[in-house]
C-alpha atoms as a PDB file:
ATOM      1  CA  MET A   1     -41.523  32.720   2.746  1.00  0.00           C
ATOM      2  CA  TYR A   2     -37.892  32.139   1.794  1.00  0.00           C
ATOM      3  CA  GLU A   3     -35.797  34.423  -0.398  1.00  0.00           C
ATOM      4  CA  MET A   4     -34.327  31.899  -2.827  1.00  0.00           C
ATOM      5  CA  LYS A   5     -30.692  32.490  -3.756  1.00  0.00           C
ATOM      6  CA  ALA A   6     -29.065  31.532  -7.040  1.00  0.00           C
ATOM      7  CA  VAL A   7     -25.643  29.923  -7.442  1.00  0.00           C
ATOM      8  CA  ARG A   8     -24.115  33.244  -8.546  1.00  0.00           C
ATOM      9  CA  ASP A   9     -24.917  34.683  -5.101  1.00  0.00           C
ATOM     10  CA  PHE A  10     -22.632  32.358  -3.149  1.00  0.00           C
ATOM     11  CA  MET A  11     -20.359  30.484  -5.573  1.00  0.00           C
ATOM     12  CA  ARG A  12     -16.579  30.611  -5.207  1.00  0.00           C
ATOM     13  CA  ARG A  13     -14.705  32.287  -8.027  1.00  0.00           C
ATOM     14  CA  ARG A  14     -11.072  31.919  -6.897  1.00  0.00           C
ATOM     15  CA  LEU A  15     -10.164  28.282  -7.378  1.00  0.00           C
ATOM     16  CA  VAL A  16      -7.212  25.934  -7.349  1.00  0.00           C
ATOM     17  CA  THR A  17      -7.186  24.243 -10.768  1.00  0.00           C
ATOM     18  CA  LEU A  18      -5.068  21.494 -12.309  1.00  0.00           C
ATOM     19  CA  ASP A  19      -3.638  20.748 -15.734  1.00  0.00           C
ATOM     20  CA  ALA A  20      -4.442  17.346 -17.280  1.00  0.00           C
ATOM     21  CA  GLU A  21      -0.733  16.825 -18.052  1.00  0.00           C
ATOM     22  CA  THR A  22       0.399  17.298 -14.446  1.00  0.00           C
ATOM     23  CA  CYS A  23       2.043  14.289 -12.786  1.00  0.00           C
ATOM     24  CA  VAL A  24      -0.413  12.595 -10.416  1.00  0.00           C
ATOM     25  CA  LEU A  25       1.893  12.783  -7.394  1.00  0.00           C
ATOM     26  CA  ASP A  26       2.483  16.498  -7.961  1.00  0.00           C
ATOM     27  CA  ALA A  27      -1.282  17.093  -8.282  1.00  0.00           C
ATOM     28  CA  ILE A  28      -1.984  15.200  -5.060  1.00  0.00           C
ATOM     29  CA  GLY A  29       0.688  17.238  -3.297  1.00  0.00           C
ATOM     30  CA  ASN A  30      -1.093  20.366  -4.514  1.00  0.00           C
ATOM     31  CA  LEU A  31      -4.437  19.196  -3.099  1.00  0.00           C
ATOM     32  CA  LEU A  32      -2.855  18.374   0.256  1.00  0.00           C
ATOM     33  CA  ARG A  33      -0.989  21.701   0.445  1.00  0.00           C
ATOM     34  CA  HIS A  34      -4.204  23.628  -0.146  1.00  0.00           C
ATOM     35  CA  ASN A  35      -6.171  21.318   2.176  1.00  0.00           C
ATOM     36  CA  ILE A  36      -8.813  20.638  -0.463  1.00  0.00           C
ATOM     37  CA  SER A  37     -10.442  17.367  -1.475  1.00  0.00           C
ATOM     38  CA  GLY A  38     -10.460  17.941  -5.220  1.00  0.00           C
ATOM     39  CA  ALA A  39      -9.919  20.458  -8.006  1.00  0.00           C
ATOM     40  CA  PRO A  40     -11.301  21.171 -11.489  1.00  0.00           C
ATOM     41  CA  VAL A  41      -9.078  20.306 -14.439  1.00  0.00           C
ATOM     42  CA  VAL A  42      -8.943  22.925 -17.203  1.00  0.00           C
ATOM     43  CA  ASP A  43      -7.012  23.475 -20.437  1.00  0.00           C
ATOM     44  CA  SER A  44      -4.903  26.532 -21.233  1.00  0.00           C
ATOM     45  CA  GLY A  45      -8.016  28.398 -22.397  1.00  0.00           C
ATOM     46  CA  GLY A  46      -9.943  27.770 -19.181  1.00  0.00           C
ATOM     47  CA  ARG A  47     -12.251  25.151 -20.707  1.00  0.00           C
ATOM     48  CA  PHE A  48     -13.456  22.557 -18.220  1.00  0.00           C
ATOM     49  CA  LEU A  49     -12.109  19.018 -18.740  1.00  0.00           C
ATOM     50  CA  GLY A  50     -13.038  17.174 -15.557  1.00  0.00           C
ATOM     51  CA  VAL A  51     -12.410  16.919 -11.808  1.00  0.00           C
ATOM     52  CA  PHE A  52      -9.469  15.348 -10.000  1.00  0.00           C
ATOM     53  CA  SER A  53     -10.839  14.295  -6.610  1.00  0.00           C
ATOM     54  CA  GLU A  54      -9.710  12.408  -3.519  1.00  0.00           C
ATOM     55  CA  LYS A  55     -11.218   9.269  -5.031  1.00  0.00           C
ATOM     56  CA  CYS A  56      -9.249   9.777  -8.255  1.00  0.00           C
ATOM     57  CA  SER A  57      -6.141  10.395  -6.151  1.00  0.00           C
ATOM     58  CA  MET A  58      -6.592   7.206  -4.124  1.00  0.00           C
ATOM     59  CA  SER A  59      -7.243   5.176  -7.251  1.00  0.00           C
ATOM     60  CA  SER A  60      -3.975   6.362  -8.801  1.00  0.00           C
ATOM     61  CA  LEU A  61      -1.936   5.870  -5.623  1.00  0.00           C
ATOM     62  CA  THR A  62      -3.381   2.420  -4.937  1.00  0.00           C
ATOM     63  CA  THR A  63      -2.449   1.364  -8.472  1.00  0.00           C
ATOM     64  CA  MET A  64       1.080   2.649  -7.960  1.00  0.00           C
ATOM     65  CA  LEU A  65       1.444   0.920  -4.603  1.00  0.00           C
ATOM     66  CA  GLU A  66       0.022  -2.381  -5.854  1.00  0.00           C
ATOM     67  CA  LEU A  67       2.643  -2.392  -8.605  1.00  0.00           C
ATOM     68  CA  GLY A  68       5.430  -1.109  -6.407  1.00  0.00           C
ATOM     69  CA  CYS A  69       4.962  -2.974  -3.141  1.00  0.00           C
ATOM     70  CA  GLU A  70       7.484  -5.752  -2.863  1.00  0.00           C
ATOM     71  CA  PRO A  71       7.102  -8.827  -0.646  1.00  0.00           C
ATOM     72  CA  GLY A  72       7.819  -7.836   2.925  1.00  0.00           C
ATOM     73  CA  MET A  73       7.374  -4.102   2.298  1.00  0.00           C
ATOM     74  CA  PHE A  74       5.844  -2.343   5.313  1.00  0.00           C
ATOM     75  CA  VAL A  75       2.200  -1.329   4.824  1.00  0.00           C
ATOM     76  CA  PRO A  76       0.802   0.731   7.720  1.00  0.00           C
ATOM     77  CA  CYS A  77      -2.375  -0.206   9.548  1.00  0.00           C
ATOM     78  CA  VAL A  78      -5.198   2.095  10.599  1.00  0.00           C
ATOM     79  CA  GLN A  79      -3.811   2.515  14.105  1.00  0.00           C
ATOM     80  CA  THR A  80      -0.769   4.376  12.751  1.00  0.00           C
ATOM     81  CA  PHE A  81      -2.577   7.053  10.724  1.00  0.00           C
ATOM     82  CA  MET A  82      -6.060   7.420  12.238  1.00  0.00           C
ATOM     83  CA  ALA A  83      -7.116  10.596  14.077  1.00  0.00           C
ATOM     84  CA  ASN A  84      -7.229  10.004  17.836  1.00  0.00           C
ATOM     85  CA  GLU A  85      -8.983  13.245  18.779  1.00  0.00           C
ATOM     86  CA  VAL A  86     -12.372  13.423  17.097  1.00  0.00           C
ATOM     87  CA  VAL A  87     -15.140  16.018  17.200  1.00  0.00           C
ATOM     88  CA  THR A  88     -18.305  14.108  18.110  1.00  0.00           C
ATOM     89  CA  LEU A  89     -21.997  14.893  18.464  1.00  0.00           C
ATOM     90  CA  SER A  90     -24.636  13.760  20.932  1.00  0.00           C
ATOM     91  CA  PRO A  91     -27.652  11.925  19.449  1.00  0.00           C
ATOM     92  CA  GLU A  92     -29.950  14.422  21.242  1.00  0.00           C
ATOM     93  CA  ILE A  93     -28.469  17.559  19.683  1.00  0.00           C
ATOM     94  CA  ASP A  94     -30.813  19.598  17.467  1.00  0.00           C
ATOM     95  CA  VAL A  95     -29.941  19.239  13.779  1.00  0.00           C
ATOM     96  CA  PHE A  96     -29.524  22.997  13.324  1.00  0.00           C
ATOM     97  CA  ASP A  97     -27.069  23.123  16.231  1.00  0.00           C
ATOM     98  CA  ALA A  98     -25.232  20.154  14.706  1.00  0.00           C
ATOM     99  CA  ILE A  99     -25.054  21.895  11.314  1.00  0.00           C
ATOM    100  CA  ASP A 100     -23.695  25.018  13.027  1.00  0.00           C
ATOM    101  CA  HIS A 101     -20.955  22.899  14.621  1.00  0.00           C
ATOM    102  CA  LEU A 102     -19.962  21.269  11.321  1.00  0.00           C
ATOM    103  CA  LEU A 103     -19.702  24.683   9.685  1.00  0.00           C
ATOM    104  CA  GLU A 104     -17.873  26.253  12.637  1.00  0.00           C
ATOM    105  CA  LYS A 105     -15.311  23.438  12.836  1.00  0.00           C
ATOM    106  CA  ARG A 106     -15.060  23.300   9.009  1.00  0.00           C
ATOM    107  CA  ILE A 107     -15.592  19.546   8.967  1.00  0.00           C
ATOM    108  CA  SER A 108     -17.844  17.575   6.635  1.00  0.00           C
ATOM    109  CA  GLY A 109     -19.237  15.255   9.292  1.00  0.00           C
ATOM    110  CA  ALA A 110     -18.828  13.845  12.781  1.00  0.00           C
ATOM    111  CA  PRO A 111     -19.471  10.557  14.598  1.00  0.00           C
ATOM    112  CA  VAL A 112     -22.440  10.464  16.954  1.00  0.00           C
ATOM    113  CA  VAL A 113     -21.769   8.889  20.368  1.00  0.00           C
ATOM    114  CA  ASN A 114     -23.851   8.498  23.519  1.00  0.00           C
ATOM    115  CA  GLU A 115     -22.814   9.494  27.041  1.00  0.00           C
ATOM    116  CA  GLU A 116     -20.941   6.202  27.482  1.00  0.00           C
ATOM    117  CA  GLY A 117     -18.823   6.900  24.399  1.00  0.00           C
ATOM    118  CA  GLU A 118     -20.571   4.191  22.385  1.00  0.00           C
ATOM    119  CA  TYR A 119     -20.786   4.773  18.655  1.00  0.00           C
ATOM    120  CA  GLN A 120     -24.283   5.432  17.260  1.00  0.00           C
ATOM    121  CA  GLY A 121     -23.741   6.679  13.704  1.00  0.00           C
ATOM    122  CA  VAL A 122     -22.433   9.587  11.616  1.00  0.00           C
ATOM    123  CA  PHE A 123     -23.985  12.987  10.946  1.00  0.00           C
ATOM    124  CA  SER A 124     -22.544  14.384   7.720  1.00  0.00           C
ATOM    125  CA  GLU A 125     -23.045  17.235   5.279  1.00  0.00           C
ATOM    126  CA  LYS A 126     -25.239  14.962   3.212  1.00  0.00           C
ATOM    127  CA  THR A 127     -27.496  13.929   6.111  1.00  0.00           C
ATOM    128  CA  ALA A 128     -27.589  17.578   7.199  1.00  0.00           C
ATOM    129  CA  MET A 129     -28.831  18.511   3.754  1.00  0.00           C
ATOM    130  CA  GLN A 130     -31.579  15.881   4.033  1.00  0.00           C
ATOM    131  CA  ALA A 131     -32.729  17.590   7.231  1.00  0.00           C
ATOM    132  CA  LEU A 132     -32.739  20.992   5.551  1.00  0.00           C
ATOM    133  CA  MET A 133     -34.676  19.716   2.533  1.00  0.00           C
ATOM    134  CA  ALA A 134     -37.263  18.203   4.894  1.00  0.00           C
ATOM    135  CA  ALA A 135     -37.577  21.623   6.539  1.00  0.00           C
ATOM    136  CA  VAL A 136     -38.281  23.175   3.138  1.00  0.00           C
ATOM    137  CA  TYR A 137     -40.625  20.648   1.545  1.00  0.00           C
ATOM    138  CA  ASP A 138     -42.351  19.167   4.573  1.00  0.00           C
ATOM    139  CA  GLN A 139     -42.230  22.280   6.782  1.00  0.00           C
ATOM    140  CA  LEU A 140     -40.765  20.174   9.577  1.00  0.00           C
ATOM    141  CA  PRO A 141     -39.262  21.913  12.616  1.00  0.00           C
ATOM    142  CA  GLY A 142     -35.784  21.087  13.836  1.00  0.00           C
ATOM    143  CA  THR A 143     -35.387  17.672  15.381  1.00  0.00           C
ATOM    144  CA  CYS A 144     -32.525  15.725  16.949  1.00  0.00           C
ATOM    145  CA  VAL A 145     -29.559  14.277  15.092  1.00  0.00           C
ATOM    146  CA  SER A 146     -30.535  10.678  15.866  1.00  0.00           C
ATOM    147  CA  HIS A 147     -33.361  10.968  13.315  1.00  0.00           C
ATOM    148  CA  TYR A 148     -30.950  11.827  10.488  1.00  0.00           C
ATOM    149  CA  MET A 149     -27.614  10.180  11.325  1.00  0.00           C
ATOM    150  CA  ASP A 150     -26.303   7.374   9.116  1.00  0.00           C
ATOM    151  CA  SER A 151     -25.992   4.217  11.224  1.00  0.00           C
ATOM    152  CA  ASP A 152     -24.623   1.947   8.450  1.00  0.00           C
ATOM    153  CA  ARG A 153     -22.338  -0.565  10.221  1.00  0.00           C
ATOM    154  CA  ASN A 154     -20.536  -1.361   6.965  1.00  0.00           C
ATOM    155  CA  ARG A 155     -18.598   1.894   7.223  1.00  0.00           C
ATOM    156  CA  LEU A 156     -16.717   0.783  10.358  1.00  0.00           C
ATOM    157  CA  VAL A 157     -13.054  -0.224  10.265  1.00  0.00           C
ATOM    158  CA  SER A 158     -10.657  -1.877  12.680  1.00  0.00           C
ATOM    159  CA  GLU A 159      -7.410  -0.501  14.103  1.00  0.00           C
ATOM    160  CA  ASN A 160      -5.618  -3.421  12.458  1.00  0.00           C
ATOM    161  CA  ASP A 161      -6.975  -2.958   8.916  1.00  0.00           C
ATOM    162  CA  LEU A 162      -4.246  -2.239   6.359  1.00  0.00           C
ATOM    163  CA  LEU A 163      -3.883   1.018   4.443  1.00  0.00           C
ATOM    164  CA  LEU A 164      -4.550  -0.412   0.975  1.00  0.00           C
ATOM    165  CA  ASP A 165      -7.656  -2.284   2.161  1.00  0.00           C
ATOM    166  CA  VAL A 166      -9.107   0.915   3.657  1.00  0.00           C
ATOM    167  CA  SER A 167      -8.253   2.814   0.472  1.00  0.00           C
ATOM    168  CA  ARG A 168     -10.136   0.277  -1.655  1.00  0.00           C
ATOM    169  CA  LEU A 169     -13.115   0.540   0.708  1.00  0.00           C
ATOM    170  CA  PHE A 170     -13.175   4.322   0.265  1.00  0.00           C
ATOM    171  CA  GLN A 171     -13.047   3.866  -3.506  1.00  0.00           C
ATOM    172  CA  ARG A 172     -16.054   1.503  -3.410  1.00  0.00           C
ATOM    173  CA  THR A 173     -18.232   3.784  -1.252  1.00  0.00           C
ATOM    174  CA  SER A 174     -19.259   7.430  -1.100  1.00  0.00           C
ATOM    175  CA  TYR A 175     -18.180   7.815   2.535  1.00  0.00           C
ATOM    176  CA  ARG A 176     -15.529  10.385   3.478  1.00  0.00           C
ATOM    177  CA  ARG A 177     -14.732   8.975   6.931  1.00  0.00           C
ATOM    178  CA  PHE A 178     -14.717   5.622   8.700  1.00  0.00           C
ATOM    179  CA  PRO A 179     -15.160   5.478  12.486  1.00  0.00           C
ATOM    180  CA  VAL A 180     -12.729   3.141  14.249  1.00  0.00           C
ATOM    181  CA  LEU A 181     -14.231   1.102  17.080  1.00  0.00           C
ATOM    182  CA  ARG A 182     -12.874  -1.008  19.881  1.00  0.00           C
ATOM    183  CA  GLY A 183     -15.864  -3.063  20.913  1.00  0.00           C
ATOM    184  CA  LYS A 184     -18.733  -0.547  20.957  1.00  0.00           C
ATOM    185  CA  ARG A 185     -16.592   2.462  21.800  1.00  0.00           C
ATOM    186  CA  LEU A 186     -15.219   4.986  19.342  1.00  0.00           C
ATOM    187  CA  VAL A 187     -11.410   5.119  19.520  1.00  0.00           C
ATOM    188  CA  GLY A 188     -10.622   7.100  16.381  1.00  0.00           C
ATOM    189  CA  GLN A 189     -11.561   8.025  12.859  1.00  0.00           C
ATOM    190  CA  VAL A 190     -10.013   7.643   9.418  1.00  0.00           C
ATOM    191  CA  SER A 191     -10.818  10.116   6.659  1.00  0.00           C
ATOM    192  CA  ARG A 192     -10.079   9.970   2.946  1.00  0.00           C
ATOM    193  CA  ARG A 193      -7.441  12.618   3.520  1.00  0.00           C
ATOM    194  CA  ASP A 194      -5.740  10.542   6.238  1.00  0.00           C
ATOM    195  CA  VAL A 195      -5.488   7.658   3.758  1.00  0.00           C
ATOM    196  CA  LEU A 196      -4.330   9.970   0.990  1.00  0.00           C
ATOM    197  CA  ARG A 197      -1.479  11.376   3.087  1.00  0.00           C
ATOM    198  CA  ALA A 198      -0.365   7.895   4.160  1.00  0.00           C
ATOM    199  CA  GLU A 199      -0.517   6.552   0.588  1.00  0.00           C
ATOM    200  CA  GLN A 200       1.333   9.571  -0.779  1.00  0.00           C
ATOM    201  CA  ARG A 201       4.237   8.996   1.622  1.00  0.00           C
ATOM    202  CA  MET A 202       4.484   5.382   0.503  1.00  0.00           C
ATOM    203  CA  ALA A 203       4.128   6.289  -3.185  1.00  0.00           C
ATOM    204  CA  LEU A 204       6.932   8.853  -3.024  1.00  0.00           C
ATOM    205  CA  ASP A 205       9.226   6.182  -1.570  1.00  0.00           C
ATOM    206  CA  VAL A 206       8.168   3.738  -4.288  1.00  0.00           C
ATOM    207  CA  ARG A 207       8.797   6.324  -6.996  1.00  0.00           C
ATOM    208  CA  GLU A 208      12.316   6.986  -5.748  1.00  0.00           C
ATOM    209  CA  ARG A 209      13.041   3.258  -5.725  1.00  0.00           C
ATOM    210  CA  PHE A 210      11.758   2.926  -9.307  1.00  0.00           C
ATOM    211  CA  ARG A 211      13.887   5.842 -10.457  1.00  0.00           C
ATOM    212  CA  ASN A 212      17.016   4.426  -8.898  1.00  0.00           C
ATOM    213  CA  ALA A 213      16.460   0.843 -10.007  1.00  0.00           C
ATOM    214  CA  ASP A 214      18.456  -0.373 -13.011  1.00  0.00           C
ATOM    215  CA  ASP A 215      16.052  -3.206 -13.722  1.00  0.00           C
ATOM    216  CA  ALA A 216      12.734  -1.357 -13.439  1.00  0.00           C
ATOM    217  CA  THR A 217      10.100  -3.167 -15.432  1.00  0.00           C
ATOM    218  CA  LYS A 218       8.118  -1.388 -18.121  1.00  0.00           C
ATOM    219  CA  SER A 219       4.964  -1.362 -15.995  1.00  0.00           C
ATOM    220  CA  ARG A 220       6.820   0.079 -13.031  1.00  0.00           C
ATOM    221  CA  ALA A 221       8.522   2.736 -15.131  1.00  0.00           C
ATOM    222  CA  THR A 222       5.183   3.755 -16.637  1.00  0.00           C
ATOM    223  CA  VAL A 223       3.323   4.093 -13.347  1.00  0.00           C
ATOM    224  CA  ILE A 224       5.765   6.768 -12.135  1.00  0.00           C
ATOM    225  CA  THR A 225       4.813   9.123 -14.959  1.00  0.00           C
ATOM    226  CA  ARG A 226       1.033   8.814 -14.894  1.00  0.00           C
ATOM    227  CA  ILE A 227      -0.789  12.108 -15.225  1.00  0.00           C
ATOM    228  CA  VAL A 228      -4.005  13.714 -13.968  1.00  0.00           C
ATOM    229  CA  GLY A 229      -5.720  13.096 -17.312  1.00  0.00           C
ATOM    230  CA  ASP A 230      -5.389   9.342 -16.777  1.00  0.00           C
ATOM    231  CA  TYR A 231      -7.536   9.412 -13.639  1.00  0.00           C
ATOM    232  CA  MET A 232      -9.710  12.544 -13.617  1.00  0.00           C
ATOM    233  CA  ASP A 233     -13.498  12.254 -13.620  1.00  0.00           C
ATOM    234  CA  ARG A 234     -14.543  13.413 -17.095  1.00  0.00           C
ATOM    235  CA  ASP A 235     -18.264  12.919 -16.363  1.00  0.00           C
ATOM    236  CA  ALA A 236     -18.434  15.026 -13.207  1.00  0.00           C
ATOM    237  CA  LEU A 237     -21.706  16.903 -12.757  1.00  0.00           C
ATOM    238  CA  THR A 238     -21.651  20.661 -13.369  1.00  0.00           C
ATOM    239  CA  THR A 239     -24.121  23.490 -12.915  1.00  0.00           C
ATOM    240  CA  CYS A 240     -24.653  27.089 -14.035  1.00  0.00           C
ATOM    241  CA  MET A 241     -24.746  30.454 -12.269  1.00  0.00           C
ATOM    242  CA  GLY A 242     -28.523  30.762 -12.612  1.00  0.00           C
ATOM    243  CA  ALA A 243     -29.375  27.502 -10.793  1.00  0.00           C
ATOM    244  CA  ASP A 244     -31.283  28.085  -7.546  1.00  0.00           C
ATOM    245  CA  LEU A 245     -30.214  26.945  -4.107  1.00  0.00           C
ATOM    246  CA  LEU A 246     -32.763  24.152  -3.708  1.00  0.00           C
ATOM    247  CA  SER A 247     -32.125  22.599  -7.129  1.00  0.00           C
ATOM    248  CA  VAL A 248     -28.389  22.460  -6.382  1.00  0.00           C
ATOM    249  CA  ALA A 249     -29.089  20.983  -2.926  1.00  0.00           C
ATOM    250  CA  GLN A 250     -31.166  18.285  -4.631  1.00  0.00           C
ATOM    251  CA  MET A 251     -28.283  17.584  -7.027  1.00  0.00           C
ATOM    252  CA  PHE A 252     -25.960  17.080  -4.078  1.00  0.00           C
ATOM    253  CA  LEU A 253     -28.457  14.738  -2.402  1.00  0.00           C
ATOM    254  CA  ASN A 254     -28.762  12.617  -5.538  1.00  0.00           C
ATOM    255  CA  SER A 255     -25.029  12.317  -6.235  1.00  0.00           C
ATOM    256  CA  PRO A 256     -21.807  11.436  -4.372  1.00  0.00           C
ATOM    257  CA  TYR A 257     -20.112  14.732  -5.297  1.00  0.00           C
ATOM    258  CA  ARG A 258     -19.019  17.353  -2.758  1.00  0.00           C
ATOM    259  CA  ARG A 259     -18.606  20.158  -5.293  1.00  0.00           C
ATOM    260  CA  PHE A 260     -19.941  21.173  -8.686  1.00  0.00           C
ATOM    261  CA  PRO A 261     -17.917  23.200 -11.197  1.00  0.00           C
ATOM    262  CA  ILE A 262     -19.897  26.136 -12.573  1.00  0.00           C
ATOM    263  CA  LEU A 263     -19.638  26.556 -16.332  1.00  0.00           C
ATOM    264  CA  GLU A 264     -20.483  29.262 -18.797  1.00  0.00           C
ATOM    265  CA  ASN A 265     -20.184  28.258 -22.469  1.00  0.00           C
ATOM    266  CA  GLY A 266     -17.934  25.371 -21.463  1.00  0.00           C
ATOM    267  CA  ARG A 267     -15.536  27.551 -19.487  1.00  0.00           C
ATOM    268  CA  LEU A 268     -14.981  27.233 -15.759  1.00  0.00           C
ATOM    269  CA  VAL A 269     -16.217  30.372 -13.946  1.00  0.00           C
ATOM    270  CA  GLY A 270     -16.525  29.103 -10.383  1.00  0.00           C
ATOM    271  CA  GLN A 271     -17.379  26.259  -8.050  1.00  0.00           C
ATOM    272  CA  ILE A 272     -19.968  25.473  -5.412  1.00  0.00           C
ATOM    273  CA  SER A 273     -19.555  22.938  -2.615  1.00  0.00           C
ATOM    274  CA  ARG A 274     -21.906  21.120  -0.278  1.00  0.00           C
ATOM    275  CA  ARG A 275     -20.623  23.350   2.502  1.00  0.00           C
ATOM    276  CA  ASP A 276     -21.513  26.501   0.541  1.00  0.00           C
ATOM    277  CA  VAL A 277     -25.073  25.229   0.012  1.00  0.00           C
ATOM    278  CA  LEU A 278     -25.376  24.032   3.605  1.00  0.00           C
ATOM    279  CA  GLU A 279     -24.216  27.386   4.967  1.00  0.00           C
ATOM    280  CA  SER A 280     -26.655  29.369   2.829  1.00  0.00           C
ATOM    281  CA  ALA A 281     -29.584  27.001   3.385  1.00  0.00           C
ATOM    282  CA  ALA A 282     -29.020  26.843   7.151  1.00  0.00           C
ATOM    283  CA  ALA A 283     -28.975  30.646   7.387  1.00  0.00           C
ATOM    284  CA  MET A 284     -32.231  30.808   5.430  1.00  0.00           C
ATOM    285  CA  LEU A 285     -34.057  27.998   7.283  1.00  0.00           C
ATOM    286  CA  ARG A 286     -32.701  28.208  10.823  1.00  0.00           C
ATOM    287  CA  PRO A 287     -35.731  28.254  13.172  1.00  0.00           C
ATOM    288  CA  SER A 288     -36.174  30.907  15.845  1.00  0.00           C
ATOM    289  CA  ALA A 289     -38.005  28.532  18.196  1.00  0.00           C
ATOM    290  CA  PRO A 290     -36.140  27.164  21.250  1.00  0.00           C
ATOM    291  CA  ARG A 291     -34.020  24.095  20.557  1.00  0.00           C
ATOM    292  CA  TYR A 292     -32.987  21.147  22.636  1.00  0.00           C
ATOM    293  CA  THR A 293     -30.855  22.103  25.614  1.00  0.00           C
ATOM    294  CA  SER A 294     -28.979  18.823  25.997  1.00  0.00           C
ATOM    295  CA  GLU A 295     -25.214  18.516  25.537  1.00  0.00           C
ATOM    296  CA  THR A 296     -24.467  19.417  21.936  1.00  0.00           C
ATOM    297  CA  LEU A 297     -20.818  18.833  21.226  1.00  0.00           C
ATOM    298  CA  TYR A 298     -17.692  17.572  22.851  1.00  0.00           C
ATOM    299  CA  LEU A 299     -14.171  16.772  21.782  1.00  0.00           C
ATOM    300  CA  SER A 300     -13.345  13.172  22.520  1.00  0.00           C
ATOM    301  CA  HIS A 301      -9.861  12.756  23.980  1.00  0.00           C
ATOM    302  CA  LEU A 302      -9.154   9.325  22.621  1.00  0.00           C
ATOM    303  CA  PRO A 303      -6.004   7.505  23.739  1.00  0.00           C
ATOM    304  CA  LYS A 304      -3.133   7.867  21.323  1.00  0.00           C
ATOM    305  CA  SER A 305      -1.916   4.543  20.005  1.00  0.00           C
ATOM    306  CA  VAL A 306       1.349   5.824  18.531  1.00  0.00           C
ATOM    307  CA  PRO A 307       3.533   8.884  18.964  1.00  0.00           C
ATOM    308  CA  ASP A 308       2.623  11.949  16.884  1.00  0.00           C
ATOM    309  CA  SER A 309       5.861  11.594  14.921  1.00  0.00           C
ATOM    310  CA  LEU A 310       4.589   8.359  13.394  1.00  0.00           C
ATOM    311  CA  ARG A 311       1.139   9.642  12.463  1.00  0.00           C
END
């Protein structure tokens, strides 16, 4: 019998928040400085207005870059900003061990590769939550990652794909990372944050050029000053402090969101993330029976394509 927790038992109360009038580039800089993938937007009275997420950020930056990129302007390819060292999982690892590794490394997912280094799929927070929900509702014991990993081949990208193309792909899907393959072998990974950092660098250069240009067009002048309120998600799902752990887990499974603002009478009082739910659910459901003893985790030392200074 499980002791069911409520949101108030493990929600986060100290949050980074944004103002709807903040310049988009300043808001994105704030997210990157705090190493977070999104933040609630509130008014001066603490009333919740929406969420400014990585997807919102990429949408705004892509718009800016599409307007600002001139013919011949350098646009980086995946090879120049992908991560070369990637935490990976074996397909035989027990799901509870895999969840422990995601939480320990503070990552939201990892590629799954076999002993030959060939890509098999991705095990993410969302697939981990599916495994935990199966443990609750179907009383299933732990099983290996290969039964829950996402093997969708449409999430793969090439080393030669361009930054803006990868950004648009992230905006069209709910994925937070794209494995990079060379043949069948994993050679790197690109996350939303990798794209966001690369786009921000380009956008800052574009903004400076707009500011210094005497003949800036009206559309170019306007794009520099766009604010968080222009792009934030006003329909983001929210929850309350009394919601129980399993109902929130189900909300995460049925939506693309990684966090839910917690409201009380329309005011923001906290936030809960997939990781918070995963951590609490895993502690509650973790089996005491012996698990698989095969190799569970290794850090792939992938060859660096470019010097660190260019990443």
